[in-house]
């Protein structure tokens, strides 16, 4: 009986000891979590409503034509400038040949204008000489007429000859002025007729070059819908090119999470594709101008019927590190988990910073303009002189052989 009474206090003391240990452990864990939250967690905002996004560059023709060649298919990688679709070039080639022939003829006509001006200028000088001779002859005959050495009829003929010479000079001067009005202040290259014909050549050359549709950027082909023999028109979507080296993440955060979020804050991301084995690093690039529902195809109409408040989400763009994307490629639409460090809350929440430089640009079409200008200069030079025209014809014959 005494042994049982001694055992009960011992059990109670051990029970209180364990309870004290467990309670102390919970207190330590709670204090540690409180410190961790105060120093780390409260400066982090996370969401798993985030997806990879990127540019989907559509390939559309600028002219009508029949598809005769397709250079790439879905899932294939293409480089910028690579030919993706080719259209029938027959009609465009005929238009280009016609415009080139018209430019060559115009150059020759303008050369003739300049040559005619020189000819008319010489004619004016000749008429001036004839007038001077007629006036001298008239003056001499007038002196002889005063002395009675010649008849009045002969004197009248001299006066008529002087007036005829004056009229001839005036006519020659008017012809020179009329021709000069067509060439004054111009050269062969910048003459309006030549410039007009040159513009027609450039237009035809652009139409001819647009029968080949190049890839504006390097990337993977997606959504190919064009088929051989298909008749396509301007603006028809044929396929898309997705540059996967320029992707970003659109993370949809709830309204309360945005108060301390700023542009430039560091972001840590994980992709469901790779799991937690790899972490991406990026920065907040910007905020959407409105919530997702505001820009939806069918926005909510809260002004009618029963109303239930729903927490809205705003898309936040996350810029990724290019080297990490190269090491671990991502595809558009993949799910991501995003965690933003909001410790640095300086700066405006929606900074109004204008960017003057273009966000995206391609130079694959610049070569077309340069080639068209080079072709125009070649035609002008070939028809600028007899030697140039002969060389141009010889070159054409050599190319045909």
Protein backbone atom coordinates (compact mmCIF):
# COMPACT_ATOMS: atom_id res chain seq x y z
CA UNK A 1 0.00 0.00 0.00
CA UNK A 2 2.88 2.37 0.85
CA UNK A 3 4.72 1.35 -2.37
CA UNK A 4 1.73 2.28 -4.47
CA UNK A 5 1.43 5.62 -2.71
CA UNK A 6 5.15 6.31 -3.38
CA UNK A 7 4.81 5.42 -7.08
CA UNK A 8 1.95 7.87 -7.82
CA UNK A 9 3.91 11.09 -6.97
CA UNK A 10 6.83 9.83 -9.08
CA UNK A 11 4.58 9.30 -12.11
CA UNK A 12 3.01 12.70 -11.65
CA UNK A 13 6.42 14.34 -11.48
CA UNK A 14 7.56 12.57 -14.67
CA UNK A 15 4.32 13.56 -16.41
CA UNK A 16 4.81 17.19 -15.49
CA UNK A 17 8.44 16.95 -16.62
CA UNK A 18 7.43 15.69 -20.08
CA UNK A 19 4.67 18.24 -20.35
CA UNK A 20 7.16 20.96 -19.44
CA UNK A 21 9.63 19.65 -22.04
CA UNK A 22 6.97 19.46 -24.76
CA UNK A 23 5.57 22.87 -23.84
CA UNK A 24 9.02 24.35 -23.83
CA UNK A 25 9.74 22.81 -27.19
CA UNK A 26 6.54 24.33 -28.62
CA UNK A 27 7.47 27.68 -27.13
CA UNK A 28 10.96 27.49 -28.68
CA UNK A 29 9.51 26.45 -32.04
CA UNK A 30 6.92 29.23 -31.86
CA UNK A 31 9.56 31.80 -30.95
CA UNK A 32 11.85 30.56 -33.74
CA UNK A 33 9.02 30.68 -36.27
CA UNK A 34 8.06 34.16 -35.07
CA UNK A 35 11.63 35.36 -35.54
CA UNK A 36 11.80 33.63 -38.96
CA UNK A 37 8.52 35.20 -40.03
CA UNK A 38 9.55 38.63 -38.75
CA UNK A 39 12.90 38.54 -40.57
CA UNK A 40 12.20 36.40 -43.66
CA UNK A 41 8.67 35.22 -44.41
CA UNK A 42 6.93 38.58 -44.12
CA UNK A 43 9.24 39.89 -46.84
CA UNK A 44 8.25 37.14 -49.27
CA UNK A 45 5.20 36.88 -51.49
CA UNK A 46 4.65 33.64 -53.38
CA UNK A 47 2.17 32.07 -55.77
CA UNK A 48 1.90 28.98 -57.91
CA UNK A 49 -0.52 30.70 -60.31
CA UNK A 50 2.31 31.51 -62.72
CA UNK A 51 3.06 30.38 -66.25
CA UNK A 52 5.78 30.80 -68.83
CA UNK A 53 4.95 33.24 -71.61
CA UNK A 54 6.78 34.54 -74.66
CA UNK A 55 6.52 36.03 -78.10
CA UNK A 56 4.64 34.04 -80.73
CA UNK A 57 5.80 35.61 -84.01
CA UNK A 58 3.28 35.01 -86.77
CA UNK A 59 4.49 34.48 -90.33
CA UNK A 60 2.08 36.25 -92.69
CA UNK A 61 2.51 37.14 -96.38
CA UNK A 62 2.47 40.73 -97.60
CA UNK A 63 1.31 39.83 -101.10
CA UNK A 64 -1.01 37.27 -102.66
CA UNK A 65 0.45 34.13 -104.17
CA UNK A 66 0.49 30.37 -104.45
CA UNK A 67 2.67 28.41 -102.01
CA UNK A 68 5.33 26.40 -103.86
CA UNK A 69 7.70 25.56 -101.00
CA UNK A 70 7.60 25.18 -97.20
CA UNK A 71 10.99 25.38 -95.52
CA UNK A 72 10.18 24.21 -91.97
CA UNK A 73 7.63 22.22 -90.04
CA UNK A 74 6.31 22.19 -86.48
CA UNK A 75 8.87 21.56 -83.69
CA UNK A 76 11.82 22.42 -86.00
CA UNK A 77 14.32 25.12 -85.09
CA UNK A 78 14.92 27.91 -87.61
CA UNK A 79 17.42 30.75 -87.70
CA UNK A 80 16.58 34.40 -88.34
CA UNK A 81 16.47 35.04 -92.08
CA UNK A 82 15.86 31.41 -93.03
CA UNK A 83 13.25 30.99 -95.79
CA UNK A 84 10.07 29.50 -94.33
CA UNK A 85 7.58 29.80 -97.20
CA UNK A 86 8.08 30.53 -100.90
CA UNK A 87 5.37 31.83 -103.22
CA UNK A 88 5.19 31.55 -107.00
CA UNK A 89 7.47 34.29 -108.44
CA UNK A 90 6.31 34.37 -112.09
CA UNK A 91 4.02 37.42 -111.89
CA UNK A 92 6.39 39.35 -109.62
CA UNK A 93 9.32 38.65 -111.98
CA UNK A 94 7.40 40.01 -114.97
CA UNK A 95 6.51 43.19 -113.06
CA UNK A 96 10.14 43.62 -112.00
CA UNK A 97 11.43 43.23 -115.57
CA UNK A 98 8.92 45.79 -116.81
CA UNK A 99 9.87 48.33 -114.17
CA UNK A 100 13.59 47.84 -114.84
CA UNK A 101 13.05 48.38 -118.57
CA UNK A 102 11.03 51.52 -117.86
CA UNK A 103 13.80 52.88 -115.62
CA UNK A 104 16.42 52.23 -118.31
CA UNK A 105 14.28 54.02 -120.91
CA UNK A 106 13.67 56.95 -118.54
CA UNK A 107 17.39 57.35 -117.89
CA UNK A 108 18.02 57.53 -121.60
CA UNK A 109 15.23 60.07 -122.07
CA UNK A 110 16.64 62.27 -119.32
CA UNK A 111 20.10 61.99 -120.87
CA UNK A 112 18.50 63.22 -124.08
CA UNK A 113 17.04 66.19 -122.20
CA UNK A 114 20.47 67.21 -120.95
CA UNK A 115 21.94 66.73 -124.43
CA UNK A 116 19.10 68.76 -125.97
CA UNK A 117 19.83 71.62 -123.58
CA UNK A 118 23.40 71.75 -124.78
CA UNK A 119 22.19 71.66 -128.41
CA UNK A 120 19.67 74.44 -127.82
CA UNK A 121 22.29 76.52 -126.03
CA UNK A 122 24.51 76.25 -129.10
CA UNK A 123 21.55 77.22 -131.28
CA UNK A 124 21.01 80.35 -129.16
CA UNK A 125 24.66 81.32 -129.61
CA UNK A 126 24.33 80.80 -133.36
CA UNK A 127 21.19 82.95 -133.47
CA UNK A 128 22.96 85.64 -131.47
CA UNK A 129 25.77 85.61 -134.03
CA UNK A 130 23.27 85.82 -136.90
CA UNK A 131 21.54 88.76 -135.22
CA UNK A 132 24.82 90.57 -134.69
CA UNK A 133 25.73 90.10 -138.36
CA UNK A 134 22.25 91.24 -139.48
CA UNK A 135 22.49 94.38 -137.36
CA UNK A 136 25.95 95.22 -138.69
CA UNK A 137 24.71 94.70 -142.24
CA UNK A 138 21.68 96.89 -141.52
CA UNK A 139 23.84 99.67 -140.08
CA UNK A 140 26.15 99.58 -143.08
CA UNK A 141 23.26 99.67 -145.56
CA UNK A 142 21.61 102.54 -143.67
CA UNK A 143 24.79 104.60 -144.09
CA UNK A 144 24.83 103.73 -147.80
CA UNK A 145 21.13 104.47 -148.09
CA UNK A 146 21.61 107.98 -146.69
CA UNK A 147 24.11 108.68 -149.46
CA UNK A 148 21.84 107.17 -152.10
CA UNK A 149 24.29 104.36 -152.94
CA UNK A 150 21.61 101.64 -152.52
CA UNK A 151 17.93 101.49 -153.20
CA UNK A 152 15.23 101.69 -150.55
CA UNK A 153 14.15 98.15 -151.38
CA UNK A 154 17.57 96.74 -150.52
CA UNK A 155 17.58 98.71 -147.28
CA UNK A 156 14.16 97.28 -146.42
CA UNK A 157 15.45 93.75 -147.04
CA UNK A 158 18.27 94.40 -144.56
CA UNK A 159 15.79 95.60 -141.96
CA UNK A 160 13.61 92.51 -142.50
CA UNK A 161 16.66 90.27 -142.14
CA UNK A 162 17.51 91.92 -138.80
CA UNK A 163 13.96 91.46 -137.52
CA UNK A 164 14.00 87.81 -138.67
CA UNK A 165 17.28 87.26 -136.83
CA UNK A 166 15.76 88.80 -133.67
CA UNK A 167 12.72 86.54 -133.92
CA UNK A 168 14.94 83.51 -134.49
CA UNK A 169 17.00 84.38 -131.42
CA UNK A 170 13.88 84.81 -129.31
CA UNK A 171 12.49 81.47 -130.52
CA UNK A 172 15.77 79.70 -129.73
CA UNK A 173 15.87 81.29 -126.27
CA UNK A 174 12.31 80.17 -125.54
CA UNK A 175 13.08 76.62 -126.64
CA UNK A 176 16.17 76.60 -124.41
CA UNK A 177 14.18 77.96 -121.45
CA UNK A 178 11.46 75.34 -121.95
CA UNK A 179 13.98 72.52 -122.01
CA UNK A 180 15.96 73.98 -119.11
CA UNK A 181 12.78 74.02 -117.01
CA UNK A 182 12.80 70.21 -117.20
CA UNK A 183 16.41 69.78 -116.06
CA UNK A 184 17.29 72.86 -113.98
CA UNK A 185 18.67 72.06 -110.54
CA UNK A 186 18.77 68.32 -111.18
CA UNK A 187 21.22 65.61 -112.07
CA UNK A 188 20.58 62.38 -113.87
CA UNK A 189 19.98 60.43 -110.63
CA UNK A 190 17.73 62.94 -108.85
CA UNK A 191 15.69 63.98 -111.87
CA UNK A 192 11.97 63.57 -111.04
CA UNK A 193 11.35 61.19 -113.94
CA UNK A 194 14.28 58.99 -112.92
CA UNK A 195 13.25 59.06 -109.27
CA UNK A 196 9.71 58.06 -110.21
CA UNK A 197 10.96 55.16 -112.34
CA UNK A 198 13.41 54.19 -109.58
CA UNK A 199 10.55 54.07 -107.06
CA UNK A 200 8.66 51.76 -109.42
CA UNK A 201 11.70 49.45 -109.58
CA UNK A 202 11.99 49.43 -105.78
CA UNK A 203 8.30 48.64 -105.46
CA UNK A 204 8.53 45.80 -107.98
CA UNK A 205 11.71 44.51 -106.34
CA UNK A 206 10.03 44.50 -102.94
CA UNK A 207 7.08 42.62 -104.41
CA UNK A 208 9.47 40.10 -105.93
CA UNK A 209 11.43 39.68 -102.69
CA UNK A 210 8.23 39.25 -100.68
CA UNK A 211 7.55 35.99 -102.49
CA UNK A 212 10.02 34.55 -99.96
CA UNK A 213 8.91 34.74 -96.31
CA UNK A 214 11.92 34.68 -93.95
CA UNK A 215 11.96 33.95 -90.24
CA UNK A 216 12.09 37.31 -88.41
CA UNK A 217 13.72 35.70 -85.37
CA UNK A 218 15.42 32.47 -84.42
CA UNK A 219 13.14 29.99 -82.70
CA UNK A 220 10.94 26.93 -82.99
CA UNK A 221 8.17 26.59 -85.56
CA UNK A 222 4.66 26.13 -84.16
CA UNK A 223 1.09 26.08 -85.46
CA UNK A 224 1.94 25.52 -89.12
CA UNK A 225 -1.29 25.73 -91.09
CA UNK A 226 -0.04 26.44 -94.62
CA UNK A 227 -0.06 23.73 -97.29
CA UNK A 228 1.59 23.36 -100.69
CA UNK A 229 -0.46 24.78 -103.54
CA UNK A 230 -2.52 26.92 -101.18
CA UNK A 231 -3.50 30.36 -102.43
CA UNK A 232 -2.74 32.82 -99.66
CA UNK A 233 -3.48 36.52 -99.25
CA UNK A 234 -1.89 39.36 -97.30
CA UNK A 235 -2.17 38.89 -93.55
CA UNK A 236 -3.14 35.21 -93.61
CA UNK A 237 -1.42 33.35 -90.70
CA UNK A 238 0.76 30.60 -92.16
CA UNK A 239 2.81 29.51 -89.13
CA UNK A 240 4.44 30.89 -86.00
CA UNK A 241 8.00 31.11 -84.74
CA UNK A 242 8.55 31.06 -80.97
CA UNK A 243 11.93 32.36 -79.73
CA UNK A 244 12.31 30.34 -76.54
CA UNK A 245 15.39 32.33 -75.53
CA UNK A 246 13.15 35.37 -74.90
CA UNK A 247 10.56 33.90 -72.54
CA UNK A 248 9.32 35.40 -69.29
CA UNK A 249 6.90 34.44 -66.52
CA UNK A 250 3.50 35.97 -65.85
CA UNK A 251 2.69 35.46 -62.17
CA UNK A 252 -0.85 36.25 -61.00
CA UNK A 253 -0.69 37.65 -57.47
CA UNK A 254 -3.66 38.46 -55.23
CA UNK A 255 -4.49 42.06 -54.43
CA UNK A 256 -3.12 42.09 -50.85
CA UNK A 257 0.22 40.75 -52.09
CA UNK A 258 0.92 43.74 -54.35
CA UNK A 259 1.13 46.51 -51.74
CA UNK A 260 4.85 46.09 -51.07
CA UNK A 261 5.85 44.72 -54.47
CA UNK A 262 8.11 46.92 -56.63
CA UNK A 263 9.79 46.75 -60.01
CA UNK A 264 13.31 45.32 -59.77
CA UNK A 265 12.77 43.14 -56.70
CA UNK A 266 14.53 39.75 -56.86
CA UNK A 267 12.49 36.67 -57.66
CA UNK A 268 13.17 32.96 -57.16
CA UNK A 269 11.29 30.50 -59.37
CA UNK A 270 10.94 26.77 -59.78
CA UNK A 271 9.40 24.96 -62.74
CA UNK A 272 7.21 21.90 -62.42
CA UNK A 273 9.20 20.55 -65.38
CA UNK A 274 12.42 20.33 -63.37
CA UNK A 275 10.93 20.22 -59.87
CA UNK A 276 12.93 21.69 -57.02
CA UNK A 277 16.25 20.48 -58.43
CA UNK A 278 16.85 23.79 -60.19
CA UNK A 279 15.94 27.32 -59.21
CA UNK A 280 15.59 30.20 -61.64
CA UNK A 281 16.44 33.74 -60.65
CA UNK A 282 14.82 36.85 -62.06
CA UNK A 283 13.44 40.27 -61.32
CA UNK A 284 10.05 41.93 -61.31
CA UNK A 285 9.82 43.62 -64.73
CA UNK A 286 6.41 45.25 -64.43
CA UNK A 287 2.77 45.05 -63.44
CA UNK A 288 -0.33 44.58 -65.53
CA UNK A 289 -2.48 47.67 -66.08
CA UNK A 290 -5.52 45.86 -64.69
CA UNK A 291 -6.74 42.62 -63.19
CA UNK A 292 -7.19 39.51 -65.25
CA UNK A 293 -10.97 39.74 -65.10
CA UNK A 294 -10.95 43.36 -66.32
CA UNK A 295 -9.27 42.31 -69.58
CA UNK A 296 -11.14 39.05 -69.96
CA UNK A 297 -13.16 38.35 -73.08
CA UNK A 298 -16.33 38.47 -70.94
CA UNK A 299 -15.60 40.79 -67.98
CA UNK A 300 -17.63 40.40 -64.82
CA UNK A 301 -20.77 42.53 -64.51
CA UNK A 302 -20.95 43.18 -60.77
CA UNK A 303 -23.55 45.92 -61.13
CA UNK A 304 -26.38 43.44 -61.72
CA UNK A 305 -27.82 40.57 -59.72
CA UNK A 306 -26.37 39.13 -56.55
CA UNK A 307 -22.81 40.12 -55.81
CA UNK A 308 -20.12 37.95 -54.26
CA UNK A 309 -16.74 39.49 -53.61
CA UNK A 310 -13.91 37.59 -55.26
CA UNK A 311 -10.26 38.38 -54.59
CA UNK A 312 -8.80 39.67 -57.86
CA UNK A 313 -5.42 38.76 -59.29
CA UNK A 314 -3.05 41.04 -61.22
CA UNK A 315 -0.46 39.68 -63.67
CA UNK A 316 3.13 40.51 -62.75
CA UNK A 317 5.83 40.01 -65.36
CA UNK A 318 9.02 38.32 -64.19
CA UNK A 319 12.17 38.68 -66.31
CA UNK A 320 14.38 35.58 -66.24
CA UNK A 321 18.14 35.15 -66.43
CA UNK A 322 19.17 34.37 -70.02
CA UNK A 323 22.00 32.02 -69.00
CA UNK A 324 19.68 29.96 -66.81
CA UNK A 325 17.15 29.70 -69.64
CA UNK A 326 19.90 28.46 -71.95
CA UNK A 327 20.93 25.80 -69.43
CA UNK A 328 17.36 24.74 -68.59
CA UNK A 329 15.05 25.67 -71.49
CA UNK A 330 11.43 26.48 -70.86
CA UNK A 331 8.39 26.28 -73.12
CA UNK A 332 5.39 28.58 -73.29
CA UNK A 333 2.59 27.60 -70.93
CA UNK A 334 4.67 25.64 -68.38
CA UNK A 335 3.67 26.03 -64.73
CA UNK A 336 5.99 27.89 -62.37
CA UNK A 337 6.17 28.62 -58.67
CA UNK A 338 7.22 32.18 -57.89
CA UNK A 339 8.58 33.76 -54.73
CA UNK A 340 9.28 37.50 -54.65
CA UNK A 341 11.47 39.15 -52.02
CA UNK A 342 9.77 42.43 -51.08
CA UNK A 343 12.31 43.50 -48.46
CA UNK A 344 13.40 46.49 -50.56
CA UNK A 345 10.19 48.51 -50.86
CA UNK A 346 11.74 51.71 -52.16
CA UNK A 347 10.53 53.32 -55.34
CA UNK A 348 7.11 53.88 -56.86
CA UNK A 349 4.72 50.95 -57.11
CA UNK A 350 3.87 51.79 -60.71
CA UNK A 351 6.86 53.76 -62.06
CA UNK A 352 6.13 55.88 -65.14
CA UNK A 353 9.32 55.31 -67.13
CA UNK A 354 9.16 55.77 -70.90
CA UNK A 355 11.40 53.55 -73.04
CA UNK A 356 12.60 55.11 -76.28
CA UNK A 357 14.48 52.10 -77.62
CA UNK A 358 12.40 49.40 -79.34
CA UNK A 359 11.63 46.41 -77.14
CA UNK A 360 12.06 44.00 -80.07
CA UNK A 361 13.54 44.47 -83.53
CA UNK A 362 14.68 42.43 -86.51
CA UNK A 363 17.00 43.30 -89.39
CA UNK A 364 16.21 40.43 -91.76
CA UNK A 365 14.21 42.78 -94.00
CA UNK A 366 16.85 45.53 -94.24
CA UNK A 367 18.84 43.64 -96.84
CA UNK A 368 15.86 43.81 -99.21
CA UNK A 369 15.91 47.62 -99.21
CA UNK A 370 19.67 47.66 -99.74
CA UNK A 371 19.43 45.18 -102.62
CA UNK A 372 16.66 47.23 -104.27
CA UNK A 373 18.75 50.42 -104.03
CA UNK A 374 21.76 48.61 -105.43
CA UNK A 375 19.70 47.32 -108.35
CA UNK A 376 18.44 50.83 -109.14
CA UNK A 377 21.97 52.25 -109.08
CA UNK A 378 23.15 49.44 -111.34
CA UNK A 379 20.48 50.20 -113.97
CA UNK A 380 21.18 53.95 -113.86
CA UNK A 381 24.92 53.40 -114.25
CA UNK A 382 24.37 50.94 -117.09
CA UNK A 383 22.31 53.47 -119.06
CA UNK A 384 24.19 56.62 -118.09
CA UNK A 385 26.56 56.36 -121.06
CA UNK A 386 27.01 54.42 -124.25
CA UNK A 387 29.89 52.43 -122.74
CA UNK A 388 27.80 51.60 -119.68
CA UNK A 389 24.88 50.43 -121.79
CA UNK A 390 27.14 48.25 -123.91
CA UNK A 391 28.63 46.66 -120.80
CA UNK A 392 25.14 46.09 -119.38
CA UNK A 393 24.02 44.34 -122.57
CA UNK A 394 27.20 42.26 -122.64
CA UNK A 395 26.64 41.24 -119.03
CA UNK A 396 23.03 40.24 -119.76
CA UNK A 397 24.14 38.11 -122.71
CA UNK A 398 26.87 36.49 -120.64
CA UNK A 399 24.38 35.63 -117.88
CA UNK A 400 22.01 34.06 -120.43
CA UNK A 401 24.81 31.93 -121.87
